[in-house]
């Protein structure tokens, strides 16, 4: 009987040691998972595509002594989860976007030397840096047509001038996916 008790005790000690080893392995695996996944705050639905948002803003064109309202599109080069505050994950990749837009105001001047590139509108090409979840500082160039400064030529030439501004964005792809989502 004593032999059976000793074998049972030894079996329990071996089992306990195996459970401790398994527990250590699970803790190490858990630590590895935290290191790999805990480095980034993203949801699975945004991990594979860039973030596109609508853009509306006011730009100031210092060289033309003019201002204009524009509508456009922002393209972020990485996925953006706007539910995560910038204070937690606000690196440059989450803050910088490329902007393409069109002015809503006419770019024509009273002297008749400046014209729109598309109709009466100028084309806005630049970038923005988010300072809050939806507000960005903007800068870039506005493209337009102008009379050629050479009086011998009657054609118009394409010109650009720099701008600075303030822009507001909205999640276009997210809003469209909600509209067209199947029930």
N, C-alpha and C. Protein backbone atom coordinates (compact mmCIF):
# COMPACT_ATOMS: atom_id res chain seq x y z
N UNK A 1 0.82 -1.19 0.00
CA UNK A 1 0.00 0.00 0.00
C UNK A 1 0.86 1.25 0.00
N UNK A 2 1.98 1.18 0.76
CA UNK A 2 2.86 2.33 0.82
C UNK A 2 3.47 2.61 -0.55
N UNK A 3 3.82 1.60 -1.30
CA UNK A 3 4.35 1.75 -2.65
C UNK A 3 3.35 2.46 -3.56
N UNK A 4 2.11 2.12 -3.47
CA UNK A 4 1.05 2.73 -4.29
C UNK A 4 0.90 4.20 -3.92
N UNK A 5 0.98 4.51 -2.61
CA UNK A 5 0.88 5.92 -2.16
C UNK A 5 2.05 6.72 -2.68
N UNK A 6 3.26 6.16 -2.62
CA UNK A 6 4.44 6.87 -3.11
C UNK A 6 4.36 7.10 -4.61
N UNK A 7 3.90 6.10 -5.37
CA UNK A 7 3.75 6.27 -6.82
C UNK A 7 2.72 7.34 -7.13
N UNK A 8 1.63 7.39 -6.38
CA UNK A 8 0.60 8.42 -6.58
C UNK A 8 1.17 9.80 -6.29
N UNK A 9 1.93 9.92 -5.20
CA UNK A 9 2.54 11.20 -4.85
C UNK A 9 3.52 11.63 -5.94
N UNK A 10 4.34 10.70 -6.40
CA UNK A 10 5.29 11.02 -7.46
C UNK A 10 4.57 11.41 -8.75
N UNK A 11 3.49 10.74 -9.06
CA UNK A 11 2.69 11.07 -10.25
C UNK A 11 2.10 12.47 -10.13
N UNK A 12 1.61 12.77 -8.92
CA UNK A 12 1.05 14.12 -8.69
C UNK A 12 2.14 15.18 -8.80
N UNK A 13 3.35 14.91 -8.32
CA UNK A 13 4.45 15.86 -8.44
C UNK A 13 4.85 16.05 -9.89
N UNK A 14 4.90 14.98 -10.65
CA UNK A 14 5.23 15.07 -12.08
C UNK A 14 4.15 15.87 -12.81
N UNK A 15 2.89 15.58 -12.47
CA UNK A 15 1.76 16.30 -13.08
C UNK A 15 1.82 17.78 -12.74
N UNK A 16 2.11 18.09 -11.48
CA UNK A 16 2.20 19.48 -11.04
C UNK A 16 3.34 20.20 -11.77
N UNK A 17 4.47 19.54 -11.93
CA UNK A 17 5.61 20.13 -12.65
C UNK A 17 5.24 20.37 -14.12
N UNK A 18 4.53 19.42 -14.71
CA UNK A 18 4.11 19.57 -16.11
C UNK A 18 3.13 20.74 -16.25
N UNK A 19 2.22 20.89 -15.29
CA UNK A 19 1.27 22.00 -15.32
C UNK A 19 1.99 23.35 -15.16
N UNK A 20 3.02 23.39 -14.28
CA UNK A 20 3.81 24.62 -14.12
C UNK A 20 4.52 24.97 -15.43
N UNK A 21 5.11 23.97 -16.09
CA UNK A 21 5.79 24.18 -17.37
C UNK A 21 4.79 24.67 -18.43
N UNK A 22 3.62 24.08 -18.47
CA UNK A 22 2.58 24.50 -19.41
C UNK A 22 2.14 25.92 -19.12
N UNK A 23 1.98 26.24 -17.84
CA UNK A 23 1.58 27.60 -17.45
C UNK A 23 2.63 28.62 -17.88
N UNK A 24 3.92 28.30 -17.70
CA UNK A 24 4.99 29.19 -18.14
C UNK A 24 4.95 29.38 -19.65
N UNK A 25 4.72 28.30 -20.38
CA UNK A 25 4.64 28.36 -21.84
C UNK A 25 3.48 29.25 -22.27
N UNK A 26 2.34 29.09 -21.62
CA UNK A 26 1.17 29.92 -21.96
C UNK A 26 1.47 31.38 -21.66
N UNK A 27 2.10 31.68 -20.53
CA UNK A 27 2.45 33.07 -20.19
C UNK A 27 3.41 33.65 -21.23
N UNK A 28 4.40 32.87 -21.66
CA UNK A 28 5.33 33.35 -22.67
C UNK A 28 4.62 33.58 -24.00
N UNK A 29 3.73 32.68 -24.38
CA UNK A 29 2.97 32.87 -25.62
C UNK A 29 2.10 34.11 -25.51
N UNK A 30 1.47 34.29 -24.36
CA UNK A 30 0.63 35.46 -24.14
C UNK A 30 1.46 36.73 -24.24
N UNK A 31 2.66 36.71 -23.68
CA UNK A 31 3.56 37.86 -23.76
C UNK A 31 3.92 38.15 -25.21
N UNK A 32 4.23 37.10 -26.01
CA UNK A 32 4.53 37.29 -27.42
C UNK A 32 3.36 37.90 -28.16
N UNK A 33 2.15 37.46 -27.89
CA UNK A 33 0.97 37.99 -28.55
C UNK A 33 0.81 39.46 -28.20
N UNK A 34 0.99 39.82 -26.97
CA UNK A 34 0.87 41.22 -26.57
C UNK A 34 1.90 42.10 -27.26
N UNK A 35 3.10 41.60 -27.40
CA UNK A 35 4.14 42.39 -28.05
C UNK A 35 3.79 42.60 -29.52
N UNK A 36 3.34 41.58 -30.19
CA UNK A 36 3.05 41.68 -31.62
C UNK A 36 1.78 42.49 -31.86
N UNK A 37 0.69 42.18 -31.20
CA UNK A 37 -0.59 42.82 -31.47
C UNK A 37 -0.73 44.14 -30.71
N UNK A 38 -0.17 44.23 -29.52
CA UNK A 38 -0.36 45.41 -28.70
C UNK A 38 0.36 46.64 -29.20
N UNK A 39 1.19 46.50 -30.24
CA UNK A 39 1.92 47.63 -30.77
C UNK A 39 1.06 48.53 -31.66
N UNK A 40 -0.09 48.06 -32.11
CA UNK A 40 -0.92 48.82 -33.04
C UNK A 40 -2.37 48.75 -32.63
N UNK A 41 -3.05 49.88 -32.75
CA UNK A 41 -4.48 49.90 -32.43
C UNK A 41 -5.23 50.04 -33.74
N UNK A 42 -5.75 48.91 -34.24
CA UNK A 42 -6.52 48.90 -35.48
C UNK A 42 -7.63 47.88 -35.34
N UNK A 43 -8.65 48.05 -36.14
CA UNK A 43 -9.67 47.03 -36.20
C UNK A 43 -9.49 46.26 -37.49
N UNK A 44 -9.94 45.03 -37.52
CA UNK A 44 -9.68 44.18 -38.69
C UNK A 44 -10.27 44.76 -39.96
N UNK A 45 -11.34 45.53 -39.87
CA UNK A 45 -11.95 46.07 -41.08
C UNK A 45 -11.13 47.19 -41.70
N UNK A 46 -10.14 47.75 -41.01
CA UNK A 46 -9.33 48.84 -41.57
C UNK A 46 -7.88 48.45 -41.80
N UNK A 47 -7.52 47.20 -41.60
CA UNK A 47 -6.12 46.82 -41.68
C UNK A 47 -5.57 46.76 -43.09
N UNK A 48 -6.39 46.68 -44.12
CA UNK A 48 -5.84 46.45 -45.44
C UNK A 48 -6.06 47.57 -46.44
N UNK A 49 -6.74 48.64 -46.10
CA UNK A 49 -6.98 49.67 -47.09
C UNK A 49 -6.69 51.06 -46.55
N UNK A 50 -6.24 51.96 -47.45
CA UNK A 50 -6.00 53.33 -47.01
C UNK A 50 -7.32 54.01 -46.65
N UNK A 51 -7.23 55.10 -45.95
CA UNK A 51 -8.40 55.84 -45.50
C UNK A 51 -8.65 56.99 -46.46
N UNK A 52 -9.87 57.12 -46.96
CA UNK A 52 -10.24 58.20 -47.86
C UNK A 52 -11.35 58.98 -47.19
N UNK A 53 -11.23 60.32 -47.21
CA UNK A 53 -12.27 61.13 -46.60
C UNK A 53 -12.57 62.33 -47.48
N UNK A 54 -13.80 62.81 -47.38
CA UNK A 54 -14.18 64.04 -48.08
C UNK A 54 -13.53 65.20 -47.36
N UNK A 55 -13.35 66.27 -48.07
CA UNK A 55 -12.63 67.41 -47.54
C UNK A 55 -13.35 68.68 -47.95
N UNK A 56 -13.55 69.57 -47.03
CA UNK A 56 -14.07 70.91 -47.33
C UNK A 56 -13.24 71.88 -46.52
N UNK A 57 -12.89 72.98 -47.13
CA UNK A 57 -12.05 73.90 -46.39
C UNK A 57 -12.01 75.29 -46.98
N UNK A 58 -11.30 76.14 -46.28
CA UNK A 58 -11.09 77.52 -46.69
C UNK A 58 -9.59 77.70 -46.88
N UNK A 59 -9.20 78.14 -48.08
CA UNK A 59 -7.79 78.36 -48.35
C UNK A 59 -7.54 79.85 -48.60
N UNK A 60 -6.38 80.28 -48.17
CA UNK A 60 -5.94 81.66 -48.41
C UNK A 60 -4.79 81.61 -49.40
N UNK A 61 -4.90 82.44 -50.45
CA UNK A 61 -3.90 82.48 -51.52
C UNK A 61 -3.15 83.81 -51.42
N UNK A 62 -2.08 83.86 -50.63
CA UNK A 62 -1.39 85.13 -50.37
C UNK A 62 -0.89 85.86 -51.61
N UNK A 63 -0.36 85.15 -52.60
CA UNK A 63 0.18 85.81 -53.80
C UNK A 63 -0.92 86.44 -54.65
N UNK A 64 -2.15 85.94 -54.50
CA UNK A 64 -3.27 86.50 -55.26
C UNK A 64 -4.11 87.44 -54.39
N UNK A 65 -3.76 87.55 -53.11
CA UNK A 65 -4.57 88.32 -52.14
C UNK A 65 -6.03 87.91 -52.23
N UNK A 66 -6.25 86.61 -52.17
CA UNK A 66 -7.59 86.05 -52.35
C UNK A 66 -7.78 84.87 -51.41
N UNK A 67 -9.02 84.48 -51.24
CA UNK A 67 -9.37 83.29 -50.46
C UNK A 67 -10.43 82.53 -51.23
N UNK A 68 -10.56 81.24 -50.96
CA UNK A 68 -11.53 80.43 -51.67
C UNK A 68 -11.98 79.25 -50.81
N UNK A 69 -13.20 78.83 -51.02
CA UNK A 69 -13.73 77.62 -50.39
C UNK A 69 -13.53 76.49 -51.40
N UNK A 70 -13.15 75.31 -50.92
CA UNK A 70 -12.96 74.19 -51.83
C UNK A 70 -13.57 72.92 -51.26
N UNK A 71 -13.84 71.97 -52.16
CA UNK A 71 -14.25 70.61 -51.81
C UNK A 71 -13.24 69.67 -52.43
N UNK A 72 -12.96 68.59 -51.74
CA UNK A 72 -11.99 67.66 -52.28
C UNK A 72 -12.01 66.32 -51.58
N UNK A 73 -10.94 65.59 -51.78
CA UNK A 73 -10.77 64.26 -51.22
C UNK A 73 -9.40 64.19 -50.55
N UNK A 74 -9.35 63.59 -49.36
CA UNK A 74 -8.10 63.32 -48.66
C UNK A 74 -7.78 61.85 -48.83
N UNK A 75 -6.51 61.56 -49.04
CA UNK A 75 -6.07 60.17 -49.13
C UNK A 75 -4.94 59.99 -48.13
N UNK A 76 -5.21 59.16 -47.11
CA UNK A 76 -4.18 58.80 -46.13
C UNK A 76 -3.51 57.55 -46.64
N UNK A 77 -2.21 57.43 -46.46
CA UNK A 77 -1.47 56.29 -47.01
C UNK A 77 -1.60 55.04 -46.16
N UNK A 78 -2.29 55.13 -45.04
CA UNK A 78 -2.46 53.97 -44.16
C UNK A 78 -3.89 53.95 -43.63
N UNK A 79 -4.32 52.84 -43.10
CA UNK A 79 -5.66 52.78 -42.52
C UNK A 79 -5.77 53.72 -41.32
N UNK A 80 -6.91 54.31 -41.15
CA UNK A 80 -7.16 55.23 -40.05
C UNK A 80 -8.40 54.76 -39.29
N UNK A 81 -8.28 54.61 -38.00
CA UNK A 81 -9.42 54.30 -37.16
C UNK A 81 -9.74 55.58 -36.38
N UNK A 82 -10.75 56.32 -36.85
CA UNK A 82 -11.06 57.61 -36.23
C UNK A 82 -11.67 57.45 -34.84
N UNK A 83 -11.98 56.21 -34.43
CA UNK A 83 -12.48 55.98 -33.07
C UNK A 83 -11.35 56.00 -32.05
N UNK A 84 -10.10 55.92 -32.51
CA UNK A 84 -8.95 55.98 -31.62
C UNK A 84 -8.47 57.42 -31.57
N UNK A 85 -8.48 58.04 -30.40
CA UNK A 85 -8.07 59.45 -30.28
C UNK A 85 -6.62 59.67 -30.73
N UNK A 86 -6.36 60.84 -31.31
CA UNK A 86 -5.01 61.18 -31.73
C UNK A 86 -4.04 61.22 -30.56
N UNK A 87 -4.54 61.50 -29.37
CA UNK A 87 -3.68 61.55 -28.19
C UNK A 87 -3.07 60.17 -27.90
N UNK A 88 -3.76 59.10 -28.28
CA UNK A 88 -3.26 57.75 -28.04
C UNK A 88 -2.36 57.30 -29.18
N UNK A 89 -2.82 57.44 -30.41
CA UNK A 89 -2.06 57.01 -31.58
C UNK A 89 -2.08 58.15 -32.60
N UNK A 90 -1.21 59.14 -32.43
CA UNK A 90 -1.25 60.30 -33.30
C UNK A 90 0.02 60.54 -34.09
N UNK A 91 0.64 59.49 -34.56
CA UNK A 91 1.87 59.65 -35.33
C UNK A 91 1.63 60.30 -36.68
N UNK A 92 2.69 60.65 -37.39
CA UNK A 92 2.56 61.32 -38.67
C UNK A 92 1.73 60.55 -39.69
N UNK A 93 1.81 59.24 -39.69
CA UNK A 93 1.02 58.44 -40.64
C UNK A 93 -0.47 58.59 -40.44
N UNK A 94 -0.91 58.87 -39.23
CA UNK A 94 -2.32 59.08 -38.94
C UNK A 94 -2.73 60.52 -39.14
N UNK A 95 -1.79 61.41 -39.21
CA UNK A 95 -2.11 62.83 -39.27
C UNK A 95 -1.99 63.43 -40.67
N UNK A 96 -1.09 62.93 -41.50
CA UNK A 96 -0.85 63.54 -42.81
C UNK A 96 -1.69 62.89 -43.89
N UNK A 97 -2.28 63.73 -44.77
CA UNK A 97 -3.05 63.23 -45.91
C UNK A 97 -2.75 64.07 -47.14
N UNK A 98 -2.85 63.43 -48.30
CA UNK A 98 -2.75 64.15 -49.57
C UNK A 98 -4.14 64.65 -49.94
N UNK A 99 -4.22 65.81 -50.56
CA UNK A 99 -5.51 66.42 -50.87
C UNK A 99 -5.61 66.74 -52.35
N UNK A 100 -6.76 66.43 -52.94
CA UNK A 100 -7.08 66.79 -54.31
C UNK A 100 -8.48 67.38 -54.28
N UNK A 101 -8.65 68.60 -54.82
CA UNK A 101 -9.96 69.23 -54.76
C UNK A 101 -10.16 70.27 -55.84
N UNK A 102 -11.30 70.94 -55.73
CA UNK A 102 -11.68 71.98 -56.69
C UNK A 102 -12.31 73.14 -55.92
N UNK A 103 -11.99 74.36 -56.32
CA UNK A 103 -12.56 75.52 -55.62
C UNK A 103 -14.03 75.68 -55.99
N UNK A 104 -14.81 76.11 -55.01
CA UNK A 104 -16.22 76.38 -55.28
C UNK A 104 -16.41 77.81 -55.78
N UNK A 105 -15.46 78.67 -55.47
CA UNK A 105 -15.50 80.06 -55.92
C UNK A 105 -14.78 80.17 -57.26
N UNK A 106 -15.19 81.15 -58.05
CA UNK A 106 -14.51 81.42 -59.31
C UNK A 106 -13.12 81.98 -59.02
N UNK A 107 -12.15 81.58 -59.80
CA UNK A 107 -10.80 82.12 -59.65
C UNK A 107 -10.54 83.27 -60.62
N UNK A 108 -11.55 83.63 -61.41
CA UNK A 108 -11.40 84.75 -62.35
C UNK A 108 -11.12 86.03 -61.58
N UNK A 109 -10.27 86.85 -62.15
CA UNK A 109 -10.03 88.16 -61.55
C UNK A 109 -10.73 89.24 -62.37
N UNK A 110 -10.85 90.43 -61.81
CA UNK A 110 -11.57 91.52 -62.48
C UNK A 110 -10.82 92.04 -63.71
N UNK A 111 -9.50 91.87 -63.75
CA UNK A 111 -8.71 92.34 -64.89
C UNK A 111 -8.81 91.38 -66.09
N UNK A 112 -9.38 90.20 -65.86
CA UNK A 112 -9.50 89.23 -66.95
C UNK A 112 -8.19 88.55 -67.32
N UNK A 113 -7.29 88.43 -66.35
CA UNK A 113 -6.01 87.78 -66.62
C UNK A 113 -5.93 86.38 -66.04
N UNK A 114 -6.88 86.00 -65.20
CA UNK A 114 -6.86 84.71 -64.54
C UNK A 114 -8.18 84.00 -64.77
N UNK A 115 -8.12 82.69 -65.08
CA UNK A 115 -9.31 81.90 -65.41
C UNK A 115 -9.25 80.56 -64.68
N UNK A 116 -10.36 79.91 -64.60
CA UNK A 116 -10.41 78.60 -63.97
C UNK A 116 -9.76 77.53 -64.83
N UNK A 117 -9.28 76.49 -64.20
CA UNK A 117 -8.71 75.35 -64.90
C UNK A 117 -9.81 74.39 -65.33
N UNK A 118 -10.84 74.27 -64.49
CA UNK A 118 -12.03 73.47 -64.80
C UNK A 118 -13.22 74.41 -64.64
N UNK A 119 -13.78 74.84 -65.75
CA UNK A 119 -14.83 75.87 -65.69
C UNK A 119 -14.23 77.14 -65.11
N UNK A 120 -14.86 77.71 -64.09
CA UNK A 120 -14.31 78.88 -63.41
C UNK A 120 -13.53 78.50 -62.16
N UNK A 121 -13.35 77.22 -61.91
CA UNK A 121 -12.74 76.74 -60.67
C UNK A 121 -11.26 76.42 -60.84
N UNK A 122 -10.53 76.59 -59.75
CA UNK A 122 -9.14 76.18 -59.70
C UNK A 122 -9.05 74.77 -59.13
N UNK A 123 -7.93 74.10 -59.39
CA UNK A 123 -7.70 72.75 -58.86
C UNK A 123 -6.74 72.85 -57.68
N UNK A 124 -7.14 72.24 -56.57
CA UNK A 124 -6.35 72.28 -55.34
C UNK A 124 -5.59 70.96 -55.23
N UNK A 125 -4.28 71.06 -55.04
CA UNK A 125 -3.43 69.89 -54.88
C UNK A 125 -2.46 70.17 -53.74
N UNK A 126 -2.53 69.36 -52.70
CA UNK A 126 -1.67 69.63 -51.56
C UNK A 126 -1.74 68.55 -50.51
N UNK A 127 -1.66 68.98 -49.28
CA UNK A 127 -1.69 68.05 -48.17
C UNK A 127 -2.25 68.72 -46.93
N UNK A 128 -2.51 67.90 -45.94
CA UNK A 128 -3.03 68.42 -44.69
C UNK A 128 -2.48 67.64 -43.52
N UNK A 129 -2.44 68.29 -42.37
CA UNK A 129 -1.96 67.68 -41.14
C UNK A 129 -3.05 67.83 -40.09
N UNK A 130 -3.60 66.69 -39.65
CA UNK A 130 -4.71 66.71 -38.68
C UNK A 130 -4.25 67.22 -37.33
N UNK A 131 -4.99 68.22 -36.83
CA UNK A 131 -4.71 68.73 -35.49
C UNK A 131 -5.77 68.26 -34.50
N UNK A 132 -6.93 67.82 -35.01
CA UNK A 132 -7.95 67.14 -34.21
C UNK A 132 -8.47 65.98 -35.05
N UNK A 133 -9.46 65.26 -34.55
CA UNK A 133 -9.99 64.11 -35.29
C UNK A 133 -10.48 64.50 -36.69
N UNK A 134 -11.04 65.70 -36.86
CA UNK A 134 -11.60 66.07 -38.16
C UNK A 134 -11.10 67.39 -38.73
N UNK A 135 -10.25 68.11 -38.02
CA UNK A 135 -9.77 69.41 -38.49
C UNK A 135 -8.29 69.29 -38.85
N UNK A 136 -7.94 69.86 -40.01
CA UNK A 136 -6.57 69.79 -40.48
C UNK A 136 -6.06 71.15 -40.91
N UNK A 137 -4.77 71.36 -40.75
CA UNK A 137 -4.09 72.51 -41.35
C UNK A 137 -3.74 72.06 -42.76
N UNK A 138 -3.99 72.93 -43.74
CA UNK A 138 -3.80 72.55 -45.14
C UNK A 138 -2.78 73.45 -45.81
N UNK A 139 -2.13 72.91 -46.82
CA UNK A 139 -1.20 73.69 -47.62
C UNK A 139 -0.93 72.99 -48.93
N UNK A 140 -0.56 73.76 -49.94
CA UNK A 140 -0.27 73.18 -51.24
C UNK A 140 -0.34 74.21 -52.33
N UNK A 141 -0.79 73.78 -53.51
CA UNK A 141 -0.90 74.68 -54.66
C UNK A 141 -2.31 74.65 -55.23
N UNK A 142 -2.73 75.81 -55.74
CA UNK A 142 -3.98 75.89 -56.49
C UNK A 142 -3.59 76.20 -57.93
N UNK A 143 -4.10 75.40 -58.85
CA UNK A 143 -3.77 75.53 -60.27
C UNK A 143 -4.89 76.24 -61.00
N UNK A 144 -4.52 77.10 -61.95
CA UNK A 144 -5.50 77.88 -62.71
C UNK A 144 -4.90 78.22 -64.07
N UNK A 145 -5.68 78.84 -64.94
CA UNK A 145 -5.21 79.31 -66.25
C UNK A 145 -5.03 80.82 -66.16
N UNK A 146 -4.04 81.34 -66.90
CA UNK A 146 -3.78 82.78 -66.92
C UNK A 146 -3.35 83.20 -68.32
N UNK A 147 -3.55 84.48 -68.61
CA UNK A 147 -3.06 85.01 -69.89
C UNK A 147 -1.55 84.91 -69.89
N UNK A 148 -1.01 84.54 -71.03
CA UNK A 148 0.44 84.47 -71.18
C UNK A 148 1.02 85.87 -71.03
N UNK A 149 2.07 86.02 -70.20
CA UNK A 149 2.65 87.35 -70.01
C UNK A 149 3.30 87.92 -71.28
N UNK A 150 3.59 87.06 -72.25
CA UNK A 150 4.15 87.51 -73.51
C UNK A 150 3.02 88.08 -74.37
N UNK A 151 3.02 89.39 -74.64
CA UNK A 151 1.92 90.00 -75.40
C UNK A 151 1.79 89.48 -76.83
N UNK A 152 2.84 88.84 -77.35
CA UNK A 152 2.78 88.30 -78.71
C UNK A 152 1.96 87.02 -78.77
N UNK A 153 1.72 86.41 -77.63
CA UNK A 153 0.95 85.16 -77.58
C UNK A 153 -0.47 85.45 -77.10
N UNK A 154 -1.41 84.77 -77.71
CA UNK A 154 -2.81 84.95 -77.31
C UNK A 154 -3.35 83.79 -76.50
N UNK A 155 -2.53 82.75 -76.33
CA UNK A 155 -3.00 81.58 -75.60
C UNK A 155 -2.86 81.78 -74.08
N UNK A 156 -3.58 80.96 -73.35
CA UNK A 156 -3.47 80.97 -71.89
C UNK A 156 -2.49 79.91 -71.45
N UNK A 157 -1.88 80.11 -70.29
CA UNK A 157 -0.93 79.15 -69.74
C UNK A 157 -1.44 78.67 -68.39
N UNK A 158 -0.99 77.50 -67.98
CA UNK A 158 -1.36 76.96 -66.67
C UNK A 158 -0.39 77.51 -65.64
N UNK A 159 -0.93 78.01 -64.54
CA UNK A 159 -0.14 78.58 -63.46
C UNK A 159 -0.57 77.95 -62.14
N UNK A 160 0.29 78.11 -61.14
CA UNK A 160 -0.04 77.63 -59.79
C UNK A 160 0.40 78.67 -58.79
N UNK A 161 -0.28 78.70 -57.67
CA UNK A 161 0.12 79.55 -56.56
C UNK A 161 -0.06 78.75 -55.28
N UNK A 162 0.71 79.06 -54.27
CA UNK A 162 0.64 78.30 -53.02
C UNK A 162 -0.52 78.80 -52.17
N UNK A 163 -0.97 77.93 -51.29
CA UNK A 163 -2.05 78.29 -50.36
C UNK A 163 -1.79 77.71 -48.98
N UNK A 164 -2.46 78.29 -48.00
CA UNK A 164 -2.55 77.74 -46.65
C UNK A 164 -4.02 77.78 -46.29
N UNK A 165 -4.43 76.91 -45.40
CA UNK A 165 -5.85 76.90 -45.06
C UNK A 165 -6.19 76.00 -43.90
N UNK A 166 -7.49 75.89 -43.69
CA UNK A 166 -8.07 75.06 -42.65
C UNK A 166 -9.09 74.17 -43.33
N UNK A 167 -9.05 72.87 -43.04
CA UNK A 167 -9.93 71.92 -43.71
C UNK A 167 -10.62 71.02 -42.70
N UNK A 168 -11.75 70.48 -43.12
CA UNK A 168 -12.55 69.58 -42.30
C UNK A 168 -12.82 68.33 -43.11
N UNK A 169 -12.61 67.14 -42.52
CA UNK A 169 -12.85 65.93 -43.29
C UNK A 169 -13.93 65.06 -42.68
N UNK A 170 -14.46 64.16 -43.54
CA UNK A 170 -15.49 63.20 -43.13
C UNK A 170 -15.15 61.87 -43.76
N UNK A 171 -15.54 60.79 -43.13
CA UNK A 171 -15.24 59.43 -43.58
C UNK A 171 -16.15 59.05 -44.75
N UNK A 172 -15.72 59.30 -45.99
CA UNK A 172 -16.54 59.03 -47.17
C UNK A 172 -16.75 57.55 -47.38
N UNK A 173 -15.67 56.76 -47.37
CA UNK A 173 -15.80 55.33 -47.62
C UNK A 173 -16.66 54.68 -46.54
N UNK A 174 -16.44 55.05 -45.29
CA UNK A 174 -17.25 54.49 -44.19
C UNK A 174 -18.72 54.84 -44.33
N UNK A 175 -19.01 56.09 -44.69
CA UNK A 175 -20.40 56.52 -44.86
C UNK A 175 -21.04 55.81 -46.05
N UNK A 176 -20.33 55.69 -47.17
CA UNK A 176 -20.87 54.99 -48.33
C UNK A 176 -21.09 53.52 -48.05
N UNK A 177 -20.16 52.90 -47.30
CA UNK A 177 -20.35 51.48 -46.99
C UNK A 177 -21.57 51.27 -46.11
N UNK A 178 -21.89 52.24 -45.25
CA UNK A 178 -23.11 52.13 -44.44
C UNK A 178 -24.35 52.25 -45.32
N UNK A 179 -24.31 53.14 -46.31
CA UNK A 179 -25.45 53.36 -47.20
C UNK A 179 -25.71 52.13 -48.06
N UNK A 180 -24.63 51.54 -48.61
CA UNK A 180 -24.77 50.43 -49.54
C UNK A 180 -24.62 49.06 -48.89
N UNK A 181 -24.53 49.00 -47.58
CA UNK A 181 -24.39 47.71 -46.89
C UNK A 181 -25.66 46.90 -47.04
N UNK A 182 -25.48 45.61 -47.22
CA UNK A 182 -26.63 44.71 -47.32
C UNK A 182 -27.16 44.42 -45.93
N UNK A 183 -28.49 44.38 -45.79
CA UNK A 183 -29.06 44.09 -44.46
C UNK A 183 -28.85 42.66 -44.03
